[in-house]
Protein backbone atom coordinates (compact mmCIF):
# COMPACT_ATOMS: atom_id res chain seq x y z
CA MET A 1 0.11 0.15 -0.07
CA SER A 2 1.53 3.21 -1.36
CA ASP A 3 -1.20 5.50 0.10
CA TYR A 4 -1.43 5.33 3.51
CA SER A 5 -4.34 7.42 3.63
CA ARG A 6 -6.57 4.42 4.74
CA ILE A 7 -4.51 4.40 7.90
CA ASP A 8 -5.77 7.63 8.77
CA ALA A 9 -9.23 6.95 8.30
CA TYR A 10 -8.45 3.77 10.76
CA VAL A 11 -7.40 5.99 13.86
CA LEU A 12 -9.57 8.65 12.77
CA ARG A 13 -12.59 6.21 12.96
CA LEU A 14 -11.13 4.54 16.37
CA ILE A 15 -11.23 7.60 18.17
CA GLN A 16 -14.80 8.57 16.77
CA GLU A 17 -15.77 4.92 18.36
CA SER A 18 -13.96 6.39 22.00
CA THR A 19 -14.93 8.06 24.90
CA PRO A 20 -12.29 9.11 27.61
CA GLU A 21 -14.15 6.28 29.45
CA ARG A 22 -14.58 3.56 27.03
CA THR A 23 -11.77 3.61 24.42
CA ALA A 24 -12.20 1.40 21.13
CA TRP A 25 -8.54 0.31 21.36
CA ASN A 26 -8.86 -0.61 25.43
CA LEU A 27 -9.84 -4.50 25.07
CA GLU A 28 -8.83 -5.28 28.56
CA LYS A 29 -11.26 -3.21 29.89
CA ILE A 30 -14.04 -3.76 27.21
CA ARG A 31 -13.86 -7.24 27.78
CA GLU A 32 -14.59 -6.78 31.56
CA GLY A 33 -16.88 -4.32 30.90
CA LYS A 34 -15.36 -1.75 32.96
CA LYS A 35 -14.73 1.81 32.58
CA VAL A 36 -10.85 3.19 31.88
CA GLU A 37 -9.33 4.04 34.33
CA TRP A 38 -5.78 5.96 34.17
CA ASN A 39 -3.81 3.58 32.68
CA TYR A 40 -0.50 2.83 30.34
CA ILE A 41 -2.77 1.09 27.59
CA ASP A 42 -4.20 4.20 27.12
CA GLY A 43 -1.05 6.11 27.55
CA CYS A 44 1.05 3.85 24.52
CA MET A 45 -2.38 5.28 22.55
CA LEU A 46 -1.88 8.94 23.56
CA THR A 47 1.18 9.08 22.62
CA ALA A 48 1.07 8.00 19.37
CA LEU A 49 -2.25 10.14 19.24
CA MET A 50 0.32 13.02 20.22
CA GLU A 51 2.92 11.83 17.51
CA LEU A 52 0.51 11.97 14.73
CA SER A 53 -0.52 15.26 15.11
CA SER A 54 2.99 16.07 15.25
CA ILE A 55 3.78 14.76 11.93
CA THR A 56 1.09 15.13 9.94
CA GLY A 57 -0.67 18.56 11.88
CA ASP A 58 -4.09 16.95 11.62
CA GLU A 59 -5.12 18.14 15.51
CA ARG A 60 -7.68 15.75 15.81
CA TYR A 61 -5.65 13.20 17.04
CA ALA A 62 -4.05 15.75 19.78
CA ALA A 63 -7.50 17.03 20.66
CA PHE A 64 -8.40 13.64 21.39
CA ALA A 65 -5.61 12.78 23.18
CA LYS A 66 -5.98 16.12 25.82
CA GLN A 67 -9.60 15.12 25.60
CA VAL A 68 -8.49 12.27 27.47
CA ALA A 69 -5.86 13.66 29.43
CA ASP A 70 -8.27 16.56 31.06
CA HIS A 71 -11.08 13.50 32.17
CA PHE A 72 -8.63 12.38 34.29
CA VAL A 73 -6.18 15.28 35.12
CA GLN A 74 -8.43 17.95 37.87
CA PRO A 75 -7.10 21.72 37.74
CA ASP A 76 -5.37 20.77 40.96
CA GLY A 77 -3.14 18.25 39.28
CA THR A 78 -5.14 15.03 40.97
CA ILE A 79 -5.30 12.32 38.64
CA LEU A 80 -8.40 10.14 38.94
CA THR A 81 -8.29 6.19 39.36
CA LEU A 82 -4.84 6.51 40.10
CA LYS A 83 -3.32 4.50 43.08
CA PRO A 84 0.04 5.30 43.89
CA GLU A 85 -0.33 3.03 46.98
CA MET A 86 -0.14 0.21 44.46
CA ALA A 87 3.20 1.45 43.06
CA ASN A 88 2.05 0.27 39.66
CA LEU A 89 5.37 1.33 37.19
CA ASP A 90 2.12 0.94 34.62
CA ASP A 91 0.37 3.80 35.28
CA ILE A 92 3.18 6.40 34.89
CA ASN A 93 3.35 5.91 31.63
CA GLU A 94 0.67 7.76 30.66
CA GLY A 95 1.82 10.77 32.25
CA ARG A 96 4.12 11.22 28.55
CA VAL A 97 1.70 12.97 27.58
CA LEU A 98 1.13 15.55 30.09
CA PHE A 99 4.42 17.35 28.94
CA PRO A 100 3.61 17.96 25.17
CA LEU A 101 0.41 19.75 26.76
CA TYR A 102 2.02 21.67 29.29
CA GLU A 103 4.10 22.91 26.82
CA LYS A 104 1.40 23.37 24.08
CA THR A 105 -1.18 25.08 26.50
CA GLY A 106 1.05 26.11 29.57
CA ASP A 107 -2.03 25.01 32.07
CA GLU A 108 -0.18 24.46 35.05
CA LYS A 109 -2.61 21.19 35.69
CA TYR A 110 -0.04 19.22 33.33
CA ARG A 111 2.79 20.03 35.35
CA LEU A 112 0.93 19.51 39.18
CA ALA A 113 -0.40 15.82 37.89
CA ALA A 114 3.69 15.23 36.26
CA ASP A 115 5.02 16.16 40.39
CA ARG A 116 2.15 13.91 41.09
CA LEU A 117 4.12 10.71 39.17
CA ARG A 118 7.25 11.84 40.41
CA ALA A 119 6.33 11.54 43.82
CA GLN A 120 5.44 7.88 43.49
CA LEU A 121 8.19 7.10 41.48
CA ASP A 122 10.34 8.79 43.91
CA ALA A 123 8.36 6.03 46.72
CA GLN A 124 8.95 3.67 44.86
CA PRO A 125 10.04 0.72 46.13
CA ARG A 126 13.63 -0.43 44.67
CA THR A 127 15.39 -3.35 44.66
CA PHE A 128 19.09 -4.06 46.66
CA GLU A 129 20.34 -2.92 43.23
CA GLY A 130 18.47 0.59 43.28
CA SER A 131 15.79 -1.21 40.63
CA PHE A 132 12.00 0.09 40.58
CA TRP A 133 10.00 -2.99 41.85
CA HIS A 134 7.48 -3.62 38.91
CA LYS A 135 4.65 -3.06 41.61
CA ALA A 136 4.11 -3.35 44.87
CA ILE A 137 2.64 -7.05 44.38
CA TYR A 138 5.62 -7.85 42.42
CA PRO A 139 7.87 -7.32 45.51
CA ASN A 140 12.15 -7.11 43.93
CA GLN A 141 10.53 -7.59 40.56
CA VAL A 142 12.15 -5.83 37.27
CA TRP A 143 10.63 -6.48 34.22
CA LEU A 144 11.52 -4.90 30.49
CA ASP A 145 7.55 -3.75 30.46
CA GLY A 146 8.55 -1.21 33.61
CA ILE A 147 11.68 0.29 31.88
CA TYR A 148 9.19 1.86 29.13
CA MET A 149 6.40 2.43 31.53
CA ALA A 150 9.07 4.52 33.71
CA GLN A 151 12.13 5.75 32.95
CA PRO A 152 10.56 7.95 29.78
CA PHE A 153 8.25 9.95 31.84
CA SER A 154 11.28 10.45 34.31
CA ALA A 155 13.46 12.15 31.70
CA LEU A 156 11.07 14.40 30.31
CA TYR A 157 10.60 15.30 33.46
CA GLU A 158 14.09 15.66 34.18
CA LYS A 159 14.23 17.72 31.13
CA TYR A 160 11.20 20.13 31.70
CA PHE A 161 11.08 20.42 35.75
CA GLY A 162 14.31 18.72 36.93
CA THR A 163 17.81 19.16 37.66
CA GLY A 164 18.94 17.10 33.88
CA ASP A 165 20.32 14.65 36.25
CA TYR A 166 19.47 10.99 34.21
CA SER A 167 22.02 9.32 36.44
CA ASP A 168 19.24 6.59 37.87
CA ILE A 169 17.88 6.29 34.51
CA VAL A 170 20.76 5.50 33.40
CA LYS A 171 22.20 3.13 36.52
CA GLN A 172 18.22 0.90 36.32
CA ILE A 173 18.96 0.40 32.23
CA THR A 174 22.63 -0.90 33.00
CA THR A 175 21.27 -2.80 35.61
CA VAL A 176 19.08 -4.88 33.64
CA HIS A 177 21.99 -5.06 30.65
CA THR A 178 23.71 -6.79 33.28
CA ARG A 179 21.53 -8.78 34.81
CA MET A 180 18.82 -10.14 32.08
CA ARG A 181 20.73 -9.95 29.24
CA SER A 182 21.69 -13.59 27.97
CA ALA A 183 24.99 -13.75 26.49
CA GLU A 184 24.16 -16.55 24.23
CA LYS A 185 21.56 -15.11 22.07
CA GLY A 186 21.52 -11.36 22.75
CA LEU A 187 18.35 -11.07 24.48
CA TYR A 188 16.95 -10.43 27.46
CA PHE A 189 14.80 -12.00 30.10
CA HIS A 190 11.17 -10.95 30.48
CA GLY A 191 11.63 -10.73 33.82
CA TYR A 192 14.35 -10.85 36.67
CA ASP A 193 13.70 -11.32 40.85
CA ALA A 194 16.50 -9.97 42.62
CA SER A 195 15.46 -11.72 45.68
CA LYS A 196 15.67 -14.99 43.43
CA THR A 197 12.73 -16.58 45.01
CA ALA A 198 9.71 -15.97 42.71
CA PHE A 199 8.24 -19.59 41.61
CA TRP A 200 8.87 -18.48 38.22
CA ALA A 201 12.83 -17.25 39.02
CA ASP A 202 15.75 -19.37 38.15
CA ARG A 203 17.21 -19.72 41.84
CA GLU A 204 20.87 -18.58 40.27
CA THR A 205 19.87 -15.76 38.08
CA GLY A 206 16.48 -14.62 39.09
CA CYS A 207 15.36 -14.49 35.63
CA SER A 208 12.41 -15.91 34.02
CA ARG A 209 12.77 -18.35 31.53
CA ASN A 210 12.42 -17.07 27.85
CA PHE A 211 12.21 -14.34 26.31
CA TRP A 212 8.74 -12.67 24.90
CA LEU A 213 8.76 -10.79 21.82
CA ARG A 214 7.30 -7.20 23.32
CA SER A 215 8.73 -6.66 26.44
CA LEU A 216 11.98 -6.87 24.14
CA GLY A 217 9.80 -4.41 22.34
CA TRP A 218 8.79 -2.56 25.37
CA PHE A 219 12.43 -2.22 26.32
CA ALA A 220 13.69 -1.18 22.67
CA VAL A 221 11.36 1.62 22.06
CA ALA A 222 11.93 2.93 25.98
CA MET A 223 15.63 3.27 24.53
CA ALA A 224 14.98 4.57 21.17
CA ASP A 225 12.70 7.41 23.25
CA LEU A 226 15.57 8.52 25.69
CA LEU A 227 17.70 8.21 23.16
CA GLU A 228 15.89 11.43 21.28
CA ILE A 229 15.12 12.86 24.88
CA LEU A 230 18.62 12.78 26.78
CA PRO A 231 20.90 15.51 25.71
CA GLU A 232 24.40 14.79 24.56
CA GLY A 233 26.53 13.75 26.83
CA GLU A 234 27.76 10.34 29.81
CA SER A 235 24.19 9.78 30.24
CA ARG A 236 23.04 9.29 26.60
CA SER A 237 26.85 7.60 25.53
CA ALA A 238 25.91 5.11 27.87
CA LEU A 239 22.70 3.48 26.16
CA VAL A 240 23.79 4.03 22.96
CA PRO A 241 25.80 0.26 23.25
CA ILE A 242 22.74 -1.13 24.76
CA PHE A 243 21.00 -0.31 22.21
CA THR A 244 22.44 -1.21 19.53
CA ASP A 245 23.48 -4.17 20.57
CA LEU A 246 19.82 -5.37 21.39
CA MET A 247 18.92 -3.76 17.48
CA ALA A 248 21.64 -6.33 16.23
CA SER A 249 20.88 -9.22 18.41
CA ILE A 250 17.05 -9.43 17.80
CA ASP A 251 17.45 -8.86 13.84
CA ARG A 252 18.86 -12.18 14.21
CA TYR A 253 15.19 -13.94 14.73
CA ALA A 254 13.04 -11.72 12.05
CA ASP A 255 11.10 -13.45 9.86
CA GLU A 256 12.61 -13.54 6.32
CA GLU A 257 10.07 -13.18 4.19
CA THR A 258 7.70 -10.52 6.22
CA GLY A 259 10.79 -9.02 8.45
CA LEU A 260 8.27 -9.73 11.77
CA TYR A 261 9.07 -11.65 14.91
CA TRP A 262 8.25 -14.29 16.73
CA GLN A 263 5.54 -14.14 20.13
CA VAL A 264 9.13 -16.13 21.74
CA PRO A 265 11.75 -14.49 19.61
CA ASP A 266 14.47 -17.44 19.44
CA GLN A 267 11.93 -20.36 18.96
CA GLY A 268 10.62 -19.29 15.56
CA GLY A 269 8.61 -22.25 13.90
CA ARG A 270 8.14 -24.12 17.28
CA GLU A 271 5.16 -25.43 16.69
CA GLY A 272 2.04 -23.38 18.84
CA ASN A 273 4.48 -19.95 18.16
CA TYR A 274 3.55 -17.39 15.56
CA LEU A 275 4.50 -14.40 13.99
CA GLU A 276 3.25 -11.41 16.35
CA THR A 277 1.85 -7.78 15.84
CA SER A 278 2.82 -5.59 18.71
CA GLY A 279 6.41 -6.69 19.01
CA SER A 280 7.11 -6.30 15.17
CA ALA A 281 6.07 -3.11 15.42
CA MET A 282 7.86 -2.06 18.75
CA MET A 283 11.45 -3.35 16.78
CA ALA A 284 10.43 -1.42 13.29
CA TYR A 285 9.70 1.75 15.05
CA ALA A 286 13.21 1.16 17.43
CA MET A 287 15.30 0.67 14.30
CA LEU A 288 13.20 3.34 12.04
CA LYS A 289 14.41 6.23 14.99
CA GLY A 290 17.12 4.62 16.01
CA ALA A 291 18.25 5.11 12.51
CA ARG A 292 16.63 8.77 12.16
CA LEU A 293 18.70 9.68 15.30
CA GLY A 294 21.84 8.49 13.39
CA VAL A 295 22.76 5.75 16.39
CA LEU A 296 21.96 3.17 14.09
CA GLU A 297 22.94 2.58 10.70
CA LYS A 298 20.99 3.64 7.88
CA ALA A 299 20.63 -0.01 7.02
CA TYR A 300 18.10 -0.16 9.92
CA ALA A 301 15.74 1.66 8.77
CA MET A 302 14.85 -0.25 6.01
CA LYS A 303 14.79 -3.22 8.15
CA GLY A 304 12.38 -1.35 10.43
CA GLU A 305 10.25 -0.33 7.01
CA LYS A 306 10.51 -3.70 6.09
CA THR A 307 8.79 -5.23 9.29
CA PHE A 308 5.83 -2.16 9.03
CA HIS A 309 5.01 -3.08 5.44
CA GLY A 310 5.23 -6.73 6.87
CA ILE A 311 2.61 -6.33 9.17
CA MET A 312 0.50 -4.50 7.47
CA GLU A 313 0.37 -7.33 4.74
CA ARG A 314 0.21 -9.93 7.54
CA TYR A 315 -2.71 -8.63 9.49
CA LEU A 316 -4.06 -5.04 8.33
CA THR A 317 -7.36 -6.53 6.98
CA PHE A 318 -9.69 -4.40 5.03
CA THR A 319 -13.53 -5.19 5.86
CA ASP A 320 -16.78 -2.60 5.03
CA ASP A 321 -16.10 -1.08 8.00
CA GLY A 322 -12.19 0.11 7.43
CA LEU A 323 -9.20 -2.00 8.66
CA ASN A 324 -8.86 -4.00 11.54
CA LEU A 325 -4.87 -4.85 12.85
CA GLY A 326 -4.86 -8.19 14.10
CA GLY A 327 -2.31 -10.40 15.96
CA ILE A 328 -1.52 -8.60 18.75
CA CYS A 329 -1.01 -10.98 21.77
CA LEU A 330 -3.49 -9.20 24.26
CA VAL A 331 -1.61 -9.57 27.91
CA ALA A 332 1.44 -11.66 29.42
CA GLY A 333 2.50 -11.30 32.96
CA LEU A 334 4.95 -13.57 35.30
CA GLY A 335 2.64 -14.38 38.47
CA PRO A 336 2.02 -13.07 41.07
CA GLU A 337 2.01 -16.21 43.62
CA ASN A 338 -1.83 -17.03 43.12
CA ASN A 339 -1.80 -17.35 39.35
CA ARG A 340 0.61 -19.94 38.40
CA ARG A 341 -0.42 -19.97 35.11
CA ARG A 342 1.99 -17.50 34.20
CA ASP A 343 5.06 -18.94 34.55
CA GLY A 344 7.28 -17.64 31.87
CA SER A 345 6.76 -21.24 29.91
CA TYR A 346 7.08 -21.23 26.10
CA GLU A 347 3.41 -22.78 26.82
CA TYR A 348 2.12 -19.93 28.77
CA TYR A 349 3.38 -17.25 25.93
CA ILE A 350 1.53 -18.81 22.83
CA SER A 351 -1.54 -20.04 25.18
CA GLU A 352 -2.32 -15.75 25.87
CA PRO A 353 -5.38 -14.36 23.52
CA VAL A 354 -4.50 -12.94 20.23
CA VAL A 355 -6.70 -10.33 19.37
CA GLU A 356 -7.30 -7.19 17.11
CA ASN A 357 -7.67 -3.51 17.47
CA ASP A 358 -5.99 -3.33 20.90
CA ALA A 359 -3.93 -0.51 21.91
CA LYS A 360 -0.70 -2.71 22.37
CA GLY A 361 -0.79 -3.03 18.83
CA VAL A 362 -1.98 -0.35 17.35
CA ALA A 363 -0.57 1.74 19.37
CA PRO A 364 3.21 0.69 18.11
CA PHE A 365 1.86 0.74 14.60
CA LEU A 366 1.10 3.92 14.52
CA LEU A 367 3.91 5.09 16.28
CA ALA A 368 6.34 2.78 13.31
CA TYR A 369 3.90 4.58 10.56
CA THR A 370 5.06 8.57 11.81
CA GLU A 371 8.82 7.16 11.58
CA VAL A 372 7.76 5.49 8.08
CA LYS A 373 6.21 9.02 6.99
CA ARG A 374 9.37 10.66 8.19
CA LEU A 375 11.42 8.87 6.33
CA ARG A 376 9.72 9.61 3.29
CA ALA A 377 8.86 13.22 3.87
């Protein structure tokens, strides 16, 4: 498809079908029959909508992002439905939208809301190595997902309202690199328990058993975004080799025909494994952005574009209503103790539902789309 106008129409359709309390792309809440709360799923989508507005000049995308933010953020900066006592890193991610909204409007409520999220991070429990716990219900656990959920927000806060000290961000990422990377495969395990006591954790390394594509994607996207946010200097330079190594490593596992990646990336072709949309879109975005920033070789832009078009050809379908994006793993995690099905096994990762039009796939696809548009501008 050389004309991307139908993608634009698809996004506008999703917006038209959404309200701040029921977004068409938050399938987890729709399936539960619950209203949307402040959450990372919508946060991903709002980030993508702001980027689309930025690259296209179409204010309809940003207007809906603002509508959602304004539904939750009160004049004093209180964020409706936010529960800081849960110490949930996922809840930090939606705060990324506050910075462009503050820059655009100057409304103090966005800064005050960012202050509240920063205060939550200041109180976040940490492992003995200084890494954030993923959530209060996951003591001593570091998940790759959490790097994306918290660290770009932290960097943006430092850039807009802080002192420009990015050292804690770098320390947490380098700890992940040290503890969670497989030297054999160059990939990172989904989770790490610093106490080595979780039922899914290896008793020697503390790591989970397998690699999960979307968690790797979250990590890759976080670093690509951080490399854009952080100024030139020691902190940014420390992230470059970690990012370039991961991109070189994951590239080895791309499906040759489509450019997509497998749900369990190092076991392509194994029975039950499948080419998954959300993680593939994240890798496409990271490669395209990394190349645009000059951190990756230009060849990676072509690799990212191949993956993007592979997603379009395999999982973007045309219907009477427009488009639908499929091949999206709905959710995957590790534990907690009372949910031992989520054990990090191969069988677990391939057992989770595969859905259409969920924001965890749509948002990365749209972010990759903005990078393709920049590439062709």
